[in-house]
Amino acid sequence: MNELLGNDVEWVRRRAAEIVAGRDGGAAADPRTVMVDDSGWDFRIFRVGCWCLRVARRPEAAARMAREAAALAVVRTAVHVPVPTPYELAPGITVGPWLEGRPLRAEDVPAVADELARALHALHVVPPHVVGIEAGEGTQGASWQRALEILDTARRHGLRSPDVAVLAAGAADPVLWHYQPCLTHADLTPNHILVSEGGTSVAGLLDWSDLRMDDPAVDLAGVGCDMGEEPGDLLIAAYVRQGPQGAVGEGTLRRRVRLREAWGRLVEELHEAGFLSGP
């Protein structure tokens, strides 16, 4: 797993090209054409021609990777939008076709909100045992406890952002912790939502390694967290239109999403300040 995690980028590119060539049965690509994405917390990503090579940075990420590959076989048929099709080369290393598309932008949301909401609604009604996820994960109590831990960390380090107040108010409101846990992507940021070049359709949903039972609001919060309330509200409204899973009341769901947005921004702020380690 660690063989591709060195700091010699040229060697890493060459080794990635060789590994994919071994899988593909062809000649190794020119290492200079291999693109490396080092921005992920858990994985290093390589684009080698039409292939995506993914390498876990730590053992726990490798374990989630194996679960992800198995779960995607079910998720793929449920959500009806493209998702990765990884093949495990070795523990912590997968390869699969590169999904074409670009990351979601705020101006794309009006066009793709309904399609994205349909995919999320379909995911949220998948029985967790079908993908090997324990139903007890992501319970209301566990999520509330984690929120309190994040809030305590922020206060101890003197953070004063508005998100501290939003998380504090949310943690004290029991209504926001009354939800039915469901299967969630749990890391659906705009960078993990691919759209067509014209921004008119969803081209893929990436990085399913955090798949877990949780509040469906988790999957609706990534857009608003990064892009602001207006794009976030478009996705919430589209989700509610999908039917029973969203029929908790748009106002209550929006409040839960706002709570999760603030939580996400606060975690990022704590990471950037060096006050929090881990994902």
C-alpha atoms as a PDB file:
ATOM      1  CA  MET A   1       0.000   0.000   0.000  1.00  0.00           C
ATOM      2  CA  ASN A   2       2.838   2.405   0.751  1.00  0.00           C
ATOM      3  CA  GLU A   3       4.780   1.803  -2.449  1.00  0.00           C
ATOM      4  CA  LEU A   4       3.109   4.745  -4.203  1.00  0.00           C
ATOM      5  CA  LEU A   5       3.159   7.137  -1.273  1.00  0.00           C
ATOM      6  CA  GLY A   6       6.702   8.465  -1.549  1.00  0.00           C
ATOM      7  CA  ASN A   7       7.616  12.107  -2.074  1.00  0.00           C
ATOM      8  CA  ASP A   8       9.466  11.546  -5.370  1.00  0.00           C
ATOM      9  CA  VAL A   9       6.617  12.537  -7.678  1.00  0.00           C
ATOM     10  CA  GLU A  10       8.379  11.420 -10.860  1.00  0.00           C
ATOM     11  CA  TRP A  11       9.025   7.951  -9.420  1.00  0.00           C
ATOM     12  CA  VAL A  12       5.422   7.779  -8.227  1.00  0.00           C
ATOM     13  CA  ARG A  13       4.114   8.674 -11.695  1.00  0.00           C
ATOM     14  CA  ARG A  14       6.308   6.023 -13.296  1.00  0.00           C
ATOM     15  CA  ARG A  15       5.241   3.349 -10.815  1.00  0.00           C
ATOM     16  CA  ALA A  16       1.536   4.223 -11.267  1.00  0.00           C
ATOM     17  CA  ALA A  17       1.895   3.882 -15.047  1.00  0.00           C
ATOM     18  CA  GLU A  18       3.560   0.483 -14.640  1.00  0.00           C
ATOM     19  CA  ILE A  19       0.855  -0.831 -12.289  1.00  0.00           C
ATOM     20  CA  VAL A  20      -1.980   0.187 -14.590  1.00  0.00           C
ATOM     21  CA  ALA A  21      -0.142  -1.290 -17.584  1.00  0.00           C
ATOM     22  CA  GLY A  22       0.122  -4.577 -15.697  1.00  0.00           C
ATOM     23  CA  ARG A  23      -3.612  -4.535 -15.072  1.00  0.00           C
ATOM     24  CA  ASP A  24      -4.474  -3.370 -18.605  1.00  0.00           C
ATOM     25  CA  GLY A  25      -2.094  -5.774 -20.338  1.00  0.00           C
ATOM     26  CA  GLY A  26      -0.571  -3.022 -22.460  1.00  0.00           C
ATOM     27  CA  ALA A  27       2.491  -0.800 -22.503  1.00  0.00           C
ATOM     28  CA  ALA A  28       3.022   1.624 -19.645  1.00  0.00           C
ATOM     29  CA  ALA A  29       1.835   5.169 -20.286  1.00  0.00           C
ATOM     30  CA  ASP A  30       4.307   8.020 -20.508  1.00  0.00           C
ATOM     31  CA  PRO A  31       4.829   8.938 -16.820  1.00  0.00           C
ATOM     32  CA  ARG A  32       4.739  12.619 -17.769  1.00  0.00           C
ATOM     33  CA  THR A  33       1.055  12.226 -18.717  1.00  0.00           C
ATOM     34  CA  VAL A  34       0.069  10.699 -15.352  1.00  0.00           C
ATOM     35  CA  MET A  35      -1.863  13.220 -13.265  1.00  0.00           C
ATOM     36  CA  VAL A  36      -1.558  13.055  -9.482  1.00  0.00           C
ATOM     37  CA  ASP A  37      -4.188  14.380  -7.058  1.00  0.00           C
ATOM     38  CA  ASP A  38      -2.649  14.662  -3.596  1.00  0.00           C
ATOM     39  CA  SER A  39      -5.464  16.707  -2.046  1.00  0.00           C
ATOM     40  CA  GLY A  40      -7.445  13.876  -0.468  1.00  0.00           C
ATOM     41  CA  TRP A  41      -7.219  13.083   3.229  1.00  0.00           C
ATOM     42  CA  ASP A  42      -7.527   9.318   2.775  1.00  0.00           C
ATOM     43  CA  PHE A  43      -6.405   8.603  -0.780  1.00  0.00           C
ATOM     44  CA  ARG A  44      -3.938   9.579  -3.457  1.00  0.00           C
ATOM     45  CA  ILE A  45      -5.495   9.577  -6.934  1.00  0.00           C
ATOM     46  CA  PHE A  46      -3.727   8.981 -10.253  1.00  0.00           C
ATOM     47  CA  ARG A  47      -5.162   9.427 -13.726  1.00  0.00           C
ATOM     48  CA  VAL A  48      -3.339   7.083 -16.060  1.00  0.00           C
ATOM     49  CA  GLY A  49      -4.883   7.429 -19.502  1.00  0.00           C
ATOM     50  CA  CYS A  50      -8.511   6.303 -19.177  1.00  0.00           C
ATOM     51  CA  TRP A  51      -7.866   4.651 -15.801  1.00  0.00           C
ATOM     52  CA  CYS A  52      -8.165   5.885 -12.227  1.00  0.00           C
ATOM     53  CA  LEU A  53      -5.674   4.413  -9.778  1.00  0.00           C
ATOM     54  CA  ARG A  54      -6.501   5.009  -6.113  1.00  0.00           C
ATOM     55  CA  VAL A  55      -4.127   4.372  -3.217  1.00  0.00           C
ATOM     56  CA  ALA A  56      -5.076   4.441   0.460  1.00  0.00           C
ATOM     57  CA  ARG A  57      -2.877   6.560   2.691  1.00  0.00           C
ATOM     58  CA  ARG A  58      -3.468   4.543   5.873  1.00  0.00           C
ATOM     59  CA  PRO A  59      -4.730   1.089   6.903  1.00  0.00           C
ATOM     60  CA  GLU A  60      -8.155   2.287   8.052  1.00  0.00           C
ATOM     61  CA  ALA A  61      -8.711   3.938   4.668  1.00  0.00           C
ATOM     62  CA  ALA A  62      -7.762   0.674   2.958  1.00  0.00           C
ATOM     63  CA  ALA A  63     -10.360  -1.182   5.026  1.00  0.00           C
ATOM     64  CA  ARG A  64     -13.062   1.304   4.013  1.00  0.00           C
ATOM     65  CA  MET A  65     -11.922   0.966   0.419  1.00  0.00           C
ATOM     66  CA  ALA A  66     -12.643  -2.771   0.411  1.00  0.00           C
ATOM     67  CA  ARG A  67     -16.118  -2.197   1.836  1.00  0.00           C
ATOM     68  CA  GLU A  68     -16.726   0.566  -0.684  1.00  0.00           C
ATOM     69  CA  ALA A  69     -15.929  -1.678  -3.668  1.00  0.00           C
ATOM     70  CA  ALA A  70     -18.430  -4.287  -2.490  1.00  0.00           C
ATOM     71  CA  ALA A  71     -21.136  -1.718  -1.718  1.00  0.00           C
ATOM     72  CA  LEU A  72     -20.836   0.015  -5.087  1.00  0.00           C
ATOM     73  CA  ALA A  73     -22.065  -3.098  -6.865  1.00  0.00           C
ATOM     74  CA  VAL A  74     -25.428  -2.500  -5.164  1.00  0.00           C
ATOM     75  CA  VAL A  75     -25.337   1.302  -5.162  1.00  0.00           C
ATOM     76  CA  ARG A  76     -24.693   1.373  -8.920  1.00  0.00           C
ATOM     77  CA  THR A  77     -28.046  -0.227  -9.702  1.00  0.00           C
ATOM     78  CA  ALA A  78     -29.923   1.888  -7.155  1.00  0.00           C
ATOM     79  CA  VAL A  79     -28.892   5.454  -7.919  1.00  0.00           C
ATOM     80  CA  HIS A  80     -28.992   5.367 -11.745  1.00  0.00           C
ATOM     81  CA  VAL A  81     -26.103   7.807 -12.133  1.00  0.00           C
ATOM     82  CA  PRO A  82     -22.505   6.819 -12.877  1.00  0.00           C
ATOM     83  CA  VAL A  83     -20.395   5.705  -9.907  1.00  0.00           C
ATOM     84  CA  PRO A  84     -16.879   4.221  -9.854  1.00  0.00           C
ATOM     85  CA  THR A  85     -16.289   0.553 -10.690  1.00  0.00           C
ATOM     86  CA  PRO A  86     -13.075  -0.141  -8.758  1.00  0.00           C
ATOM     87  CA  TYR A  87     -11.120  -3.372  -9.060  1.00  0.00           C
ATOM     88  CA  GLU A  88      -8.850  -4.246  -6.142  1.00  0.00           C
ATOM     89  CA  LEU A  89      -5.260  -4.817  -7.265  1.00  0.00           C
ATOM     90  CA  ALA A  90      -3.973  -5.235  -3.727  1.00  0.00           C
ATOM     91  CA  PRO A  91      -5.147  -4.189  -0.261  1.00  0.00           C
ATOM     92  CA  GLY A  92      -5.440  -0.419  -0.402  1.00  0.00           C
ATOM     93  CA  ILE A  93      -4.969  -0.118  -4.173  1.00  0.00           C
ATOM     94  CA  THR A  94      -7.811  -0.106  -6.712  1.00  0.00           C
ATOM     95  CA  VAL A  95      -8.072   0.691 -10.399  1.00  0.00           C
ATOM     96  CA  GLY A  96     -11.116   1.398 -12.540  1.00  0.00           C
ATOM     97  CA  PRO A  97     -12.310   3.457 -15.501  1.00  0.00           C
ATOM     98  CA  TRP A  98     -11.902   7.197 -15.110  1.00  0.00           C
ATOM     99  CA  LEU A  99     -15.280   8.936 -14.877  1.00  0.00           C
ATOM    100  CA  GLU A 100     -15.411  11.882 -17.245  1.00  0.00           C
ATOM    101  CA  GLY A 101     -16.914  15.143 -16.027  1.00  0.00           C
ATOM    102  CA  ARG A 102     -16.034  18.203 -13.997  1.00  0.00           C
ATOM    103  CA  PRO A 103     -16.815  19.148 -10.374  1.00  0.00           C
ATOM    104  CA  LEU A 104     -20.181  20.743  -9.660  1.00  0.00           C
ATOM    105  CA  ARG A 105     -20.364  24.551  -9.720  1.00  0.00           C
ATOM    106  CA  ALA A 106     -22.990  26.724  -8.087  1.00  0.00           C
ATOM    107  CA  GLU A 107     -24.400  27.759 -11.464  1.00  0.00           C
ATOM    108  CA  ASP A 108     -25.001  24.073 -12.346  1.00  0.00           C
ATOM    109  CA  VAL A 109     -27.292  23.372  -9.386  1.00  0.00           C
ATOM    110  CA  PRO A 110     -30.583  24.613 -10.922  1.00  0.00           C
ATOM    111  CA  ALA A 111     -30.121  22.223 -13.854  1.00  0.00           C
ATOM    112  CA  VAL A 112     -28.988  19.137 -11.937  1.00  0.00           C
ATOM    113  CA  ALA A 113     -30.782  19.489  -8.563  1.00  0.00           C
ATOM    114  CA  ASP A 114     -33.657  17.172  -9.485  1.00  0.00           C
ATOM    115  CA  GLU A 115     -31.400  14.456 -10.923  1.00  0.00           C
ATOM    116  CA  LEU A 116     -29.070  14.640  -7.938  1.00  0.00           C
ATOM    117  CA  ALA A 117     -32.000  14.591  -5.502  1.00  0.00           C
ATOM    118  CA  ARG A 118     -33.454  11.499  -7.205  1.00  0.00           C
ATOM    119  CA  ALA A 119     -30.122   9.706  -6.863  1.00  0.00           C
ATOM    120  CA  LEU A 120     -29.850  10.605  -3.174  1.00  0.00           C
ATOM    121  CA  HIS A 121     -33.441   9.621  -2.458  1.00  0.00           C
ATOM    122  CA  ALA A 122     -32.824   6.256  -4.144  1.00  0.00           C
ATOM    123  CA  LEU A 123     -29.655   5.751  -2.092  1.00  0.00           C
ATOM    124  CA  HIS A 124     -31.410   6.633   1.149  1.00  0.00           C
ATOM    125  CA  VAL A 125     -33.991   3.879   0.745  1.00  0.00           C
ATOM    126  CA  VAL A 126     -31.455   1.096   0.054  1.00  0.00           C
ATOM    127  CA  PRO A 127     -31.633  -1.402   2.954  1.00  0.00           C
ATOM    128  CA  PRO A 128     -28.279  -1.119   4.770  1.00  0.00           C
ATOM    129  CA  HIS A 129     -27.825  -4.875   5.196  1.00  0.00           C
ATOM    130  CA  VAL A 130     -27.774  -5.246   1.395  1.00  0.00           C
ATOM    131  CA  VAL A 131     -24.453  -3.403   1.266  1.00  0.00           C
ATOM    132  CA  GLY A 132     -23.083  -4.865   4.487  1.00  0.00           C
ATOM    133  CA  ILE A 133     -23.574  -1.763   6.652  1.00  0.00           C
ATOM    134  CA  GLU A 134     -24.686  -2.249  10.240  1.00  0.00           C
ATOM    135  CA  ALA A 135     -27.989  -0.487  10.936  1.00  0.00           C
ATOM    136  CA  GLY A 136     -26.651   0.749  14.281  1.00  0.00           C
ATOM    137  CA  GLU A 137     -24.027   2.998  12.681  1.00  0.00           C
ATOM    138  CA  GLY A 138     -24.764   6.720  12.611  1.00  0.00           C
ATOM    139  CA  THR A 139     -27.480   6.675  15.259  1.00  0.00           C
ATOM    140  CA  GLN A 140     -28.876   9.949  16.531  1.00  0.00           C
ATOM    141  CA  GLY A 141     -27.085   9.576  19.849  1.00  0.00           C
ATOM    142  CA  ALA A 142     -23.689   8.909  18.279  1.00  0.00           C
ATOM    143  CA  SER A 143     -24.038  11.866  15.909  1.00  0.00           C
ATOM    144  CA  TRP A 144     -25.130  14.166  18.716  1.00  0.00           C
ATOM    145  CA  GLN A 145     -22.141  13.092  20.814  1.00  0.00           C
ATOM    146  CA  ARG A 146     -19.766  13.787  17.943  1.00  0.00           C
ATOM    147  CA  ALA A 147     -21.324  17.228  17.468  1.00  0.00           C
ATOM    148  CA  LEU A 148     -20.737  17.992  21.152  1.00  0.00           C
ATOM    149  CA  GLU A 149     -17.098  16.904  20.819  1.00  0.00           C
ATOM    150  CA  ILE A 150     -16.561  19.206  17.826  1.00  0.00           C
ATOM    151  CA  LEU A 151     -18.293  22.052  19.672  1.00  0.00           C
ATOM    152  CA  ASP A 152     -16.144  21.511  22.761  1.00  0.00           C
ATOM    153  CA  THR A 153     -12.965  21.516  20.647  1.00  0.00           C
ATOM    154  CA  ALA A 154     -13.989  24.757  18.954  1.00  0.00           C
ATOM    155  CA  ARG A 155     -14.762  26.465  22.244  1.00  0.00           C
ATOM    156  CA  ARG A 156     -11.557  25.286  23.935  1.00  0.00           C
ATOM    157  CA  HIS A 157      -9.537  26.837  21.143  1.00  0.00           C
ATOM    158  CA  GLY A 158     -11.506  30.068  21.166  1.00  0.00           C
ATOM    159  CA  LEU A 159     -13.109  29.859  17.740  1.00  0.00           C
ATOM    160  CA  ARG A 160     -15.649  32.627  17.242  1.00  0.00           C
ATOM    161  CA  SER A 161     -17.135  31.882  13.829  1.00  0.00           C
ATOM    162  CA  PRO A 162     -20.944  32.004  13.377  1.00  0.00           C
ATOM    163  CA  ASP A 163     -20.831  28.235  12.817  1.00  0.00           C
ATOM    164  CA  VAL A 164     -19.965  27.715  16.497  1.00  0.00           C
ATOM    165  CA  ALA A 165     -23.251  29.388  17.470  1.00  0.00           C
ATOM    166  CA  VAL A 166     -25.219  27.390  14.867  1.00  0.00           C
ATOM    167  CA  LEU A 167     -23.770  24.101  16.100  1.00  0.00           C
ATOM    168  CA  ALA A 168     -24.370  25.056  19.735  1.00  0.00           C
ATOM    169  CA  ALA A 169     -28.024  25.922  19.065  1.00  0.00           C
ATOM    170  CA  GLY A 170     -28.510  22.762  17.033  1.00  0.00           C
ATOM    171  CA  ALA A 171     -26.920  20.518  19.646  1.00  0.00           C
ATOM    172  CA  ALA A 172     -29.377  21.919  22.213  1.00  0.00           C
ATOM    173  CA  ASP A 173     -32.457  21.333  20.028  1.00  0.00           C
ATOM    174  CA  PRO A 174     -33.732  17.730  20.339  1.00  0.00           C
ATOM    175  CA  VAL A 175     -36.005  18.153  17.303  1.00  0.00           C
ATOM    176  CA  LEU A 176     -32.942  18.213  15.036  1.00  0.00           C
ATOM    177  CA  TRP A 177     -31.813  14.808  16.280  1.00  0.00           C
ATOM    178  CA  HIS A 178     -35.081  13.029  15.556  1.00  0.00           C
ATOM    179  CA  TYR A 179     -34.420  11.416  12.204  1.00  0.00           C
ATOM    180  CA  GLN A 180     -34.464   7.940  10.716  1.00  0.00           C
ATOM    181  CA  PRO A 181     -30.864   6.900   9.952  1.00  0.00           C
ATOM    182  CA  CYS A 182     -30.431   5.721   6.369  1.00  0.00           C
ATOM    183  CA  LEU A 183     -27.646   4.765   4.008  1.00  0.00           C
ATOM    184  CA  THR A 184     -25.649   7.906   3.156  1.00  0.00           C
ATOM    185  CA  HIS A 185     -22.694   8.780   0.958  1.00  0.00           C
ATOM    186  CA  ALA A 186     -21.543  11.006   3.857  1.00  0.00           C
ATOM    187  CA  ASP A 187     -18.931  13.023   1.932  1.00  0.00           C
ATOM    188  CA  LEU A 188     -20.900  14.531  -0.937  1.00  0.00           C
ATOM    189  CA  THR A 189     -18.965  17.745  -1.507  1.00  0.00           C
ATOM    190  CA  PRO A 190     -19.091  19.481  -4.906  1.00  0.00           C
ATOM    191  CA  ASN A 191     -15.714  17.919  -5.780  1.00  0.00           C
ATOM    192  CA  HIS A 192     -17.329  14.488  -5.469  1.00  0.00           C
ATOM    193  CA  ILE A 193     -20.259  15.434  -7.738  1.00  0.00           C
ATOM    194  CA  LEU A 194     -19.301  15.343 -11.403  1.00  0.00           C
ATOM    195  CA  VAL A 195     -21.433  17.031 -14.033  1.00  0.00           C
ATOM    196  CA  SER A 196     -21.311  17.073 -17.820  1.00  0.00           C
ATOM    197  CA  GLU A 197     -19.161  19.757 -19.382  1.00  0.00           C
ATOM    198  CA  GLY A 198     -22.238  21.900 -20.010  1.00  0.00           C
ATOM    199  CA  GLY A 199     -23.430  21.402 -16.433  1.00  0.00           C
ATOM    200  CA  THR A 200     -26.778  19.961 -17.506  1.00  0.00           C
ATOM    201  CA  SER A 201     -26.577  16.419 -16.069  1.00  0.00           C
ATOM    202  CA  VAL A 202     -24.899  14.423 -13.304  1.00  0.00           C
ATOM    203  CA  ALA A 203     -21.878  12.625 -14.780  1.00  0.00           C
ATOM    204  CA  GLY A 204     -20.831  10.747 -11.643  1.00  0.00           C
ATOM    205  CA  LEU A 205     -20.691  10.554  -7.857  1.00  0.00           C
ATOM    206  CA  LEU A 206     -17.211   9.866  -6.495  1.00  0.00           C
ATOM    207  CA  ASP A 207     -15.510   8.650  -3.311  1.00  0.00           C
ATOM    208  CA  TRP A 208     -17.906   6.333  -1.493  1.00  0.00           C
ATOM    209  CA  SER A 209     -15.440   5.259   1.190  1.00  0.00           C
ATOM    210  CA  ASP A 210     -17.390   7.043   3.975  1.00  0.00           C
ATOM    211  CA  LEU A 211     -20.655   5.225   3.135  1.00  0.00           C
ATOM    212  CA  ARG A 212     -22.544   4.766   6.414  1.00  0.00           C
ATOM    213  CA  MET A 213     -25.861   4.973   8.234  1.00  0.00           C
ATOM    214  CA  ASP A 214     -26.624   8.583   9.155  1.00  0.00           C
ATOM    215  CA  ASP A 215     -29.036  11.475   8.821  1.00  0.00           C
ATOM    216  CA  PRO A 216     -30.031  12.006   5.147  1.00  0.00           C
ATOM    217  CA  ALA A 217     -29.314  15.698   5.775  1.00  0.00           C
ATOM    218  CA  VAL A 218     -25.607  14.791   5.701  1.00  0.00           C
ATOM    219  CA  ASP A 219     -25.825  14.195   1.950  1.00  0.00           C
ATOM    220  CA  LEU A 220     -27.730  17.420   1.324  1.00  0.00           C
ATOM    221  CA  ALA A 221     -25.309  19.581   3.296  1.00  0.00           C
ATOM    222  CA  GLY A 222     -22.207  19.360   1.101  1.00  0.00           C
ATOM    223  CA  VAL A 223     -23.568  21.652  -1.611  1.00  0.00           C
ATOM    224  CA  GLY A 224     -24.715  24.395   0.761  1.00  0.00           C
ATOM    225  CA  CYS A 225     -21.626  24.057   2.954  1.00  0.00           C
ATOM    226  CA  ASP A 226     -19.351  24.947   0.037  1.00  0.00           C
ATOM    227  CA  MET A 227     -21.645  27.055  -2.141  1.00  0.00           C
ATOM    228  CA  GLY A 228     -24.024  28.878   0.180  1.00  0.00           C
ATOM    229  CA  GLU A 229     -27.710  28.754   1.070  1.00  0.00           C
ATOM    230  CA  GLU A 230     -29.278  29.379  -2.347  1.00  0.00           C
ATOM    231  CA  PRO A 231     -27.799  26.315  -4.130  1.00  0.00           C
ATOM    232  CA  GLY A 232     -28.314  24.319  -0.935  1.00  0.00           C
ATOM    233  CA  ASP A 233     -31.993  25.273  -0.761  1.00  0.00           C
ATOM    234  CA  LEU A 234     -32.513  24.235  -4.393  1.00  0.00           C
ATOM    235  CA  LEU A 235     -31.237  20.748  -3.585  1.00  0.00           C
ATOM    236  CA  ILE A 236     -33.313  20.506  -0.391  1.00  0.00           C
ATOM    237  CA  ALA A 237     -36.497  21.474  -2.255  1.00  0.00           C
ATOM    238  CA  ALA A 238     -35.748  18.979  -5.025  1.00  0.00           C
ATOM    239  CA  TYR A 239     -35.175  16.247  -2.433  1.00  0.00           C
ATOM    240  CA  VAL A 240     -38.454  16.932  -0.651  1.00  0.00           C
ATOM    241  CA  ARG A 241     -40.273  16.639  -3.986  1.00  0.00           C
ATOM    242  CA  GLN A 242     -39.071  13.043  -4.286  1.00  0.00           C
ATOM    243  CA  GLY A 243     -41.632  11.712  -1.834  1.00  0.00           C
ATOM    244  CA  PRO A 244     -41.889   9.882   1.506  1.00  0.00           C
ATOM    245  CA  GLN A 245     -38.203   9.847   2.445  1.00  0.00           C
ATOM    246  CA  GLY A 246     -38.188  13.620   2.155  1.00  0.00           C
ATOM    247  CA  ALA A 247     -41.615  14.146   3.666  1.00  0.00           C
ATOM    248  CA  VAL A 248     -40.322  15.089   7.119  1.00  0.00           C
ATOM    249  CA  GLY A 249     -41.254  18.698   6.449  1.00  0.00           C
ATOM    250  CA  GLU A 250     -39.059  20.950   4.369  1.00  0.00           C
ATOM    251  CA  GLY A 251     -38.571  23.436   7.217  1.00  0.00           C
ATOM    252  CA  THR A 252     -37.270  20.833   9.668  1.00  0.00           C
ATOM    253  CA  LEU A 253     -35.093  19.204   7.021  1.00  0.00           C
ATOM    254  CA  ARG A 254     -33.622  22.578   6.074  1.00  0.00           C
ATOM    255  CA  ARG A 255     -32.748  23.252   9.714  1.00  0.00           C
ATOM    256  CA  ARG A 256     -31.001  19.873   9.950  1.00  0.00           C
ATOM    257  CA  VAL A 257     -29.101  20.587   6.748  1.00  0.00           C
ATOM    258  CA  ARG A 258     -28.031  24.033   8.035  1.00  0.00           C
ATOM    259  CA  LEU A 259     -26.768  22.339  11.187  1.00  0.00           C
ATOM    260  CA  ARG A 260     -24.726  19.868   9.131  1.00  0.00           C
ATOM    261  CA  GLU A 261     -23.380  22.650   6.919  1.00  0.00           C
ATOM    262  CA  ALA A 262     -22.132  24.572   9.950  1.00  0.00           C
ATOM    263  CA  TRP A 263     -20.680  21.378  11.385  1.00  0.00           C
ATOM    264  CA  GLY A 264     -18.773  20.702   8.147  1.00  0.00           C
ATOM    265  CA  ARG A 265     -17.356  24.226   7.919  1.00  0.00           C
ATOM    266  CA  LEU A 266     -16.324  24.118  11.557  1.00  0.00           C
ATOM    267  CA  VAL A 267     -14.485  20.833  11.091  1.00  0.00           C
ATOM    268  CA  GLU A 268     -12.614  22.366   8.145  1.00  0.00           C
ATOM    269  CA  GLU A 269     -11.729  25.424  10.224  1.00  0.00           C
ATOM    270  CA  LEU A 270     -10.414  23.230  13.044  1.00  0.00           C
ATOM    271  CA  HIS A 271      -8.335  21.202  10.598  1.00  0.00           C
ATOM    272  CA  GLU A 272      -6.841  24.295   8.978  1.00  0.00           C
ATOM    273  CA  ALA A 273      -5.927  25.697  12.410  1.00  0.00           C
ATOM    274  CA  GLY A 274      -4.287  22.403  13.406  1.00  0.00           C
ATOM    275  CA  PHE A 275      -6.769  21.816  16.256  1.00  0.00           C
ATOM    276  CA  LEU A 276      -8.242  18.638  14.794  1.00  0.00           C
ATOM    277  CA  SER A 277      -6.654  15.572  13.240  1.00  0.00           C
ATOM    278  CA  GLY A 278      -8.290  12.796  11.279  1.00  0.00           C
ATOM    279  CA  PRO A 279     -11.185  13.052   8.797  1.00  0.00           C
END
